[in-house]
Structures are given as C-alpha cells and as structure tokens.
Amino acid sequence: MELPVAERAVLASALLESLEAETVPELSAEWSAEVDRRLQEVKTGAVALRDADSVFRDAFASLA
C-alpha cells in the first residue's frame, strides 16, 4: 500500500459509496418462488448440503 493513509481513506470512502449507490435488481416472481422452494428443501432436509471443497474436488475429478 503505497498511498498515504488520507488518500486510502478517500479511496475507501468512494468505493463504499459506489456500492451503496448500486440497486439490487428485484427478483421475478418465478425466481422468488424457486428461492422459496429451495429454502424449504433445505429446511426440511429434503436435500443434502455439501461444502464447496467437496463439490469442487468432485467436479475436478470428473474432468480428469
């Protein structure tokens, strides 16, 4: 970090402001229903959750 502290603070503030200015697009009714359905599957145990490490390990193994 070669910028002086004051300049880094200005930069950080500008970056944070740019994030706040972003609006999150609204989900369509179809996607909202899909999210609700998947959440219910997780809550009821209808699906098994896996950690990312095992998912990526299996994915890379299938490519070999």
PDB file of N, CA and C in Angstrom:
ATOM      1  N   MET A   1       0.838  -1.167   0.000  1.00  0.00           N
ATOM      2  CA  MET A   1       0.000   0.000   0.000  1.00  0.00           C
ATOM      3  C   MET A   1       0.890   1.241   0.000  1.00  0.00           C
ATOM      4  N   GLU A   2       1.016   1.827  -1.144  1.00  0.00           N
ATOM      5  CA  GLU A   2       1.908   2.962  -1.256  1.00  0.00           C
ATOM      6  C   GLU A   2       1.205   4.296  -1.090  1.00  0.00           C
ATOM      7  N   LEU A   3      -0.119   4.311  -1.145  1.00  0.00           N
ATOM      8  CA  LEU A   3      -0.841   5.564  -0.948  1.00  0.00           C
ATOM      9  C   LEU A   3      -0.787   5.984   0.512  1.00  0.00           C
ATOM     10  N   PRO A   4      -0.699   7.278   0.745  1.00  0.00           N
ATOM     11  CA  PRO A   4      -0.762   7.762   2.133  1.00  0.00           C
ATOM     12  C   PRO A   4      -2.130   7.424   2.737  1.00  0.00           C
ATOM     13  N   VAL A   5      -2.171   7.364   4.051  1.00  0.00           N
ATOM     14  CA  VAL A   5      -3.382   6.984   4.758  1.00  0.00           C
ATOM     15  C   VAL A   5      -4.573   7.855   4.346  1.00  0.00           C
ATOM     16  N   ALA A   6      -4.395   9.138   4.239  1.00  0.00           N
ATOM     17  CA  ALA A   6      -5.506  10.038   3.898  1.00  0.00           C
ATOM     18  C   ALA A   6      -6.066   9.717   2.517  1.00  0.00           C
ATOM     19  N   GLU A   7      -5.198   9.436   1.556  1.00  0.00           N
ATOM     20  CA  GLU A   7      -5.658   9.108   0.205  1.00  0.00           C
ATOM     21  C   GLU A   7      -6.343   7.747   0.175  1.00  0.00           C
ATOM     22  N   ARG A   8      -5.844   6.789   0.951  1.00  0.00           N
ATOM     23  CA  ARG A   8      -6.502   5.488   1.037  1.00  0.00           C
ATOM     24  C   ARG A   8      -7.893   5.634   1.639  1.00  0.00           C
ATOM     25  N   ALA A   9      -8.038   6.511   2.631  1.00  0.00           N
ATOM     26  CA  ALA A   9      -9.337   6.734   3.261  1.00  0.00           C
ATOM     27  C   ALA A   9     -10.321   7.325   2.263  1.00  0.00           C
ATOM     28  N   VAL A  10      -9.869   8.267   1.447  1.00  0.00           N
ATOM     29  CA  VAL A  10     -10.731   8.855   0.423  1.00  0.00           C
ATOM     30  C   VAL A  10     -11.139   7.794  -0.594  1.00  0.00           C
ATOM     31  N   LEU A  11     -10.197   6.987  -1.012  1.00  0.00           N
ATOM     32  CA  LEU A  11     -10.483   5.919  -1.962  1.00  0.00           C
ATOM     33  C   LEU A  11     -11.473   4.907  -1.376  1.00  0.00           C
ATOM     34  N   ALA A  12     -11.242   4.500  -0.135  1.00  0.00           N
ATOM     35  CA  ALA A  12     -12.142   3.546   0.514  1.00  0.00           C
ATOM     36  C   ALA A  12     -13.542   4.120   0.628  1.00  0.00           C
ATOM     37  N   SER A  13     -13.644   5.381   0.972  1.00  0.00           N
ATOM     38  CA  SER A  13     -14.951   6.025   1.086  1.00  0.00           C
ATOM     39  C   SER A  13     -15.662   6.056  -0.257  1.00  0.00           C
ATOM     40  N   ALA A  14     -14.937   6.362  -1.312  1.00  0.00           N
ATOM     41  CA  ALA A  14     -15.529   6.406  -2.647  1.00  0.00           C
ATOM     42  C   ALA A  14     -16.003   5.016  -3.073  1.00  0.00           C
ATOM     43  N   LEU A  15     -15.217   3.994  -2.764  1.00  0.00           N
ATOM     44  CA  LEU A  15     -15.619   2.632  -3.102  1.00  0.00           C
ATOM     45  C   LEU A  15     -16.878   2.223  -2.352  1.00  0.00           C
ATOM     46  N   LEU A  16     -16.953   2.549  -1.073  1.00  0.00           N
ATOM     47  CA  LEU A  16     -18.146   2.226  -0.292  1.00  0.00           C
ATOM     48  C   LEU A  16     -19.373   2.957  -0.819  1.00  0.00           C
ATOM     49  N   GLU A  17     -19.199   4.217  -1.170  1.00  0.00           N
ATOM     50  CA  GLU A  17     -20.320   4.972  -1.735  1.00  0.00           C
ATOM     51  C   GLU A  17     -20.794   4.352  -3.042  1.00  0.00           C
ATOM     52  N   SER A  18     -19.878   3.853  -3.845  1.00  0.00           N
ATOM     53  CA  SER A  18     -20.278   3.254  -5.119  1.00  0.00           C
ATOM     54  C   SER A  18     -21.087   1.987  -4.892  1.00  0.00           C
ATOM     55  N   LEU A  19     -20.786   1.256  -3.825  1.00  0.00           N
ATOM     56  CA  LEU A  19     -21.563   0.063  -3.509  1.00  0.00           C
ATOM     57  C   LEU A  19     -22.958   0.421  -3.033  1.00  0.00           C
ATOM     58  N   GLU A  20     -23.056   1.464  -2.232  1.00  0.00           N
ATOM     59  CA  GLU A  20     -24.348   1.883  -1.718  1.00  0.00           C
ATOM     60  C   GLU A  20     -25.248   2.410  -2.823  1.00  0.00           C
ATOM     61  N   ALA A  21     -24.642   2.940  -3.864  1.00  0.00           N
ATOM     62  CA  ALA A  21     -25.426   3.507  -4.961  1.00  0.00           C
ATOM     63  C   ALA A  21     -26.038   2.412  -5.827  1.00  0.00           C
ATOM     64  N   GLU A  22     -25.440   1.231  -5.788  1.00  0.00           N
ATOM     65  CA  GLU A  22     -25.951   0.128  -6.595  1.00  0.00           C
ATOM     66  C   GLU A  22     -27.318  -0.303  -6.066  1.00  0.00           C
ATOM     67  N   THR A  23     -28.210  -0.546  -6.972  1.00  0.00           N
ATOM     68  CA  THR A  23     -29.501  -1.077  -6.562  1.00  0.00           C
ATOM     69  C   THR A  23     -29.536  -2.560  -6.883  1.00  0.00           C
ATOM     70  N   VAL A  24     -30.102  -3.299  -6.010  1.00  0.00           N
ATOM     71  CA  VAL A  24     -30.222  -4.738  -6.214  1.00  0.00           C
ATOM     72  C   VAL A  24     -31.469  -4.972  -7.053  1.00  0.00           C
ATOM     73  N   PRO A  25     -31.313  -5.629  -8.187  1.00  0.00           N
ATOM     74  CA  PRO A  25     -32.484  -5.862  -9.035  1.00  0.00           C
ATOM     75  C   PRO A  25     -33.491  -6.754  -8.322  1.00  0.00           C
ATOM     76  N   GLU A  26     -34.742  -6.495  -8.566  1.00  0.00           N
ATOM     77  CA  GLU A  26     -35.793  -7.284  -7.952  1.00  0.00           C
ATOM     78  C   GLU A  26     -35.909  -8.629  -8.653  1.00  0.00           C
ATOM     79  N   LEU A  27     -36.163  -9.670  -7.869  1.00  0.00           N
ATOM     80  CA  LEU A  27     -36.339 -10.999  -8.451  1.00  0.00           C
ATOM     81  C   LEU A  27     -37.693 -11.101  -9.121  1.00  0.00           C
ATOM     82  N   SER A  28     -37.733 -11.835 -10.208  1.00  0.00           N
ATOM     83  CA  SER A  28     -39.015 -12.103 -10.846  1.00  0.00           C
ATOM     84  C   SER A  28     -39.817 -13.028  -9.932  1.00  0.00           C
ATOM     85  N   ALA A  29     -41.095 -13.121 -10.171  1.00  0.00           N
ATOM     86  CA  ALA A  29     -41.954 -13.994  -9.375  1.00  0.00           C
ATOM     87  C   ALA A  29     -41.484 -15.442  -9.473  1.00  0.00           C
ATOM     88  N   GLU A  30     -41.018 -15.839 -10.660  1.00  0.00           N
ATOM     89  CA  GLU A  30     -40.552 -17.209 -10.852  1.00  0.00           C
ATOM     90  C   GLU A  30     -39.316 -17.501 -10.017  1.00  0.00           C
ATOM     91  N   TRP A  31     -38.355 -16.568 -10.019  1.00  0.00           N
ATOM     92  CA  TRP A  31     -37.141 -16.780  -9.243  1.00  0.00           C
ATOM     93  C   TRP A  31     -37.431 -16.728  -7.757  1.00  0.00           C
ATOM     94  N   SER A  32     -38.309 -15.857  -7.357  1.00  0.00           N
ATOM     95  CA  SER A  32     -38.679 -15.777  -5.945  1.00  0.00           C
ATOM     96  C   SER A  32     -39.294 -17.094  -5.488  1.00  0.00           C
ATOM     97  N   ALA A  33     -40.161 -17.676  -6.307  1.00  0.00           N
ATOM     98  CA  ALA A  33     -40.770 -18.963  -5.982  1.00  0.00           C
ATOM     99  C   ALA A  33     -39.708 -20.059  -5.925  1.00  0.00           C
ATOM    100  N   GLU A  34     -38.745 -20.013  -6.829  1.00  0.00           N
ATOM    101  CA  GLU A  34     -37.663 -21.007  -6.850  1.00  0.00           C
ATOM    102  C   GLU A  34     -36.815 -20.903  -5.583  1.00  0.00           C
ATOM    103  N   VAL A  35     -36.497 -19.692  -5.180  1.00  0.00           N
ATOM    104  CA  VAL A  35     -35.724 -19.487  -3.947  1.00  0.00           C
ATOM    105  C   VAL A  35     -36.491 -20.043  -2.757  1.00  0.00           C
ATOM    106  N   ASP A  36     -37.782 -19.742  -2.681  1.00  0.00           N
ATOM    107  CA  ASP A  36     -38.604 -20.251  -1.579  1.00  0.00           C
ATOM    108  C   ASP A  36     -38.638 -21.781  -1.573  1.00  0.00           C
ATOM    109  N   ARG A  37     -38.793 -22.377  -2.756  1.00  0.00           N
ATOM    110  CA  ARG A  37     -38.841 -23.832  -2.865  1.00  0.00           C
ATOM    111  C   ARG A  37     -37.538 -24.458  -2.381  1.00  0.00           C
ATOM    112  N   ARG A  38     -36.423 -23.895  -2.829  1.00  0.00           N
ATOM    113  CA  ARG A  38     -35.122 -24.443  -2.437  1.00  0.00           C
ATOM    114  C   ARG A  38     -34.866 -24.266  -0.939  1.00  0.00           C
ATOM    115  N   LEU A  39     -35.280 -23.138  -0.395  1.00  0.00           N
ATOM    116  CA  LEU A  39     -35.119 -22.903   1.038  1.00  0.00           C
ATOM    117  C   LEU A  39     -35.911 -23.928   1.840  1.00  0.00           C
ATOM    118  N   GLN A  40     -37.110 -24.217   1.405  1.00  0.00           N
ATOM    119  CA  GLN A  40     -37.929 -25.223   2.083  1.00  0.00           C
ATOM    120  C   GLN A  40     -37.270 -26.597   2.015  1.00  0.00           C
ATOM    121  N   GLU A  41     -36.676 -26.931   0.873  1.00  0.00           N
ATOM    122  CA  GLU A  41     -35.981 -28.213   0.741  1.00  0.00           C
ATOM    123  C   GLU A  41     -34.830 -28.313   1.738  1.00  0.00           C
ATOM    124  N   VAL A  42     -34.116 -27.219   1.923  1.00  0.00           N
ATOM    125  CA  VAL A  42     -33.007 -27.210   2.878  1.00  0.00           C
ATOM    126  C   VAL A  42     -33.553 -27.347   4.299  1.00  0.00           C
ATOM    127  N   LYS A  43     -34.569 -26.559   4.625  1.00  0.00           N
ATOM    128  CA  LYS A  43     -35.123 -26.576   5.983  1.00  0.00           C
ATOM    129  C   LYS A  43     -35.706 -27.933   6.361  1.00  0.00           C
ATOM    130  N   THR A  44     -36.313 -28.621   5.416  1.00  0.00           N
ATOM    131  CA  THR A  44     -36.942 -29.911   5.716  1.00  0.00           C
ATOM    132  C   THR A  44     -35.976 -31.080   5.593  1.00  0.00           C
ATOM    133  N   GLY A  45     -34.778 -30.827   5.106  1.00  0.00           N
ATOM    134  CA  GLY A  45     -33.804 -31.896   4.949  1.00  0.00           C
ATOM    135  C   GLY A  45     -34.016 -32.728   3.694  1.00  0.00           C
ATOM    136  N   ALA A  46     -34.835 -32.212   2.780  1.00  0.00           N
ATOM    137  CA  ALA A  46     -35.106 -32.940   1.541  1.00  0.00           C
ATOM    138  C   ALA A  46     -33.883 -32.985   0.633  1.00  0.00           C
ATOM    139  N   VAL A  47     -32.959 -32.085   0.835  1.00  0.00           N
ATOM    140  CA  VAL A  47     -31.724 -32.070   0.049  1.00  0.00           C
ATOM    141  C   VAL A  47     -30.535 -32.101   1.003  1.00  0.00           C
ATOM    142  N   ALA A  48     -29.450 -32.654   0.547  1.00  0.00           N
ATOM    143  CA  ALA A  48     -28.229 -32.704   1.346  1.00  0.00           C
ATOM    144  C   ALA A  48     -27.311 -31.577   0.903  1.00  0.00           C
ATOM    145  N   LEU A  49     -26.884 -30.786   1.859  1.00  0.00           N
ATOM    146  CA  LEU A  49     -25.956 -29.703   1.542  1.00  0.00           C
ATOM    147  C   LEU A  49     -24.536 -30.246   1.554  1.00  0.00           C
ATOM    148  N   ARG A  50     -23.703 -29.684   0.677  1.00  0.00           N
ATOM    149  CA  ARG A  50     -22.305 -30.086   0.599  1.00  0.00           C
ATOM    150  C   ARG A  50     -21.438 -28.846   0.677  1.00  0.00           C
ATOM    151  N   ASP A  51     -20.267 -29.003   1.287  1.00  0.00           N
ATOM    152  CA  ASP A  51     -19.353 -27.866   1.339  1.00  0.00           C
ATOM    153  C   ASP A  51     -18.675 -27.693  -0.017  1.00  0.00           C
ATOM    154  N   ALA A  52     -18.244 -26.488  -0.275  1.00  0.00           N
ATOM    155  CA  ALA A  52     -17.668 -26.146  -1.579  1.00  0.00           C
ATOM    156  C   ALA A  52     -16.440 -26.990  -1.906  1.00  0.00           C
ATOM    157  N   ASP A  53     -15.615 -27.292  -0.906  1.00  0.00           N
ATOM    158  CA  ASP A  53     -14.404 -28.084  -1.166  1.00  0.00           C
ATOM    159  C   ASP A  53     -14.743 -29.434  -1.781  1.00  0.00           C
ATOM    160  N   SER A  54     -15.760 -30.113  -1.228  1.00  0.00           N
ATOM    161  CA  SER A  54     -16.092 -31.434  -1.769  1.00  0.00           C
ATOM    162  C   SER A  54     -16.734 -31.316  -3.149  1.00  0.00           C
ATOM    163  N   VAL A  55     -17.505 -30.271  -3.368  1.00  0.00           N
ATOM    164  CA  VAL A  55     -18.128 -30.066  -4.686  1.00  0.00           C
ATOM    165  C   VAL A  55     -17.055 -29.846  -5.744  1.00  0.00           C
ATOM    166  N   PHE A  56     -16.102 -28.951  -5.452  1.00  0.00           N
ATOM    167  CA  PHE A  56     -15.044 -28.672  -6.429  1.00  0.00           C
ATOM    168  C   PHE A  56     -14.131 -29.880  -6.625  1.00  0.00           C
ATOM    169  N   ARG A  57     -13.837 -30.603  -5.544  1.00  0.00           N
ATOM    170  CA  ARG A  57     -12.987 -31.809  -5.658  1.00  0.00           C
ATOM    171  C   ARG A  57     -13.652 -32.813  -6.601  1.00  0.00           C
ATOM    172  N   ASP A  58     -14.949 -33.052  -6.404  1.00  0.00           N
ATOM    173  CA  ASP A  58     -15.659 -33.992  -7.274  1.00  0.00           C
ATOM    174  C   ASP A  58     -15.734 -33.483  -8.712  1.00  0.00           C
ATOM    175  N   ALA A  59     -15.952 -32.181  -8.869  1.00  0.00           N
ATOM    176  CA  ALA A  59     -16.046 -31.617 -10.216  1.00  0.00           C
ATOM    177  C   ALA A  59     -14.721 -31.761 -10.956  1.00  0.00           C
ATOM    178  N   PHE A  60     -13.621 -31.436 -10.283  1.00  0.00           N
ATOM    179  CA  PHE A  60     -12.324 -31.547 -10.938  1.00  0.00           C
ATOM    180  C   PHE A  60     -11.972 -33.011 -11.207  1.00  0.00           C
ATOM    181  N   ALA A  61     -12.352 -33.907 -10.307  1.00  0.00           N
ATOM    182  CA  ALA A  61     -12.089 -35.327 -10.509  1.00  0.00           C
ATOM    183  C   ALA A  61     -12.843 -35.851 -11.715  1.00  0.00           C
ATOM    184  N   SER A  62     -14.050 -35.330 -11.934  1.00  0.00           N
ATOM    185  CA  SER A  62     -14.830 -35.811 -13.086  1.00  0.00           C
ATOM    186  C   SER A  62     -14.237 -35.338 -14.404  1.00  0.00           C
ATOM    187  N   LEU A  63     -13.417 -34.317 -14.378  1.00  0.00           N
ATOM    188  CA  LEU A  63     -12.787 -33.809 -15.602  1.00  0.00           C
ATOM    189  C   LEU A  63     -11.511 -34.576 -15.955  1.00  0.00           C
ATOM    190  N   ALA A  64     -10.978 -35.274 -14.985  1.00  0.00           N
ATOM    191  CA  ALA A  64      -9.696 -35.965 -15.199  1.00  0.00           C
ATOM    192  C   ALA A  64      -9.870 -37.222 -16.018  1.00  0.00           C
TER     193      ALA A  64
END
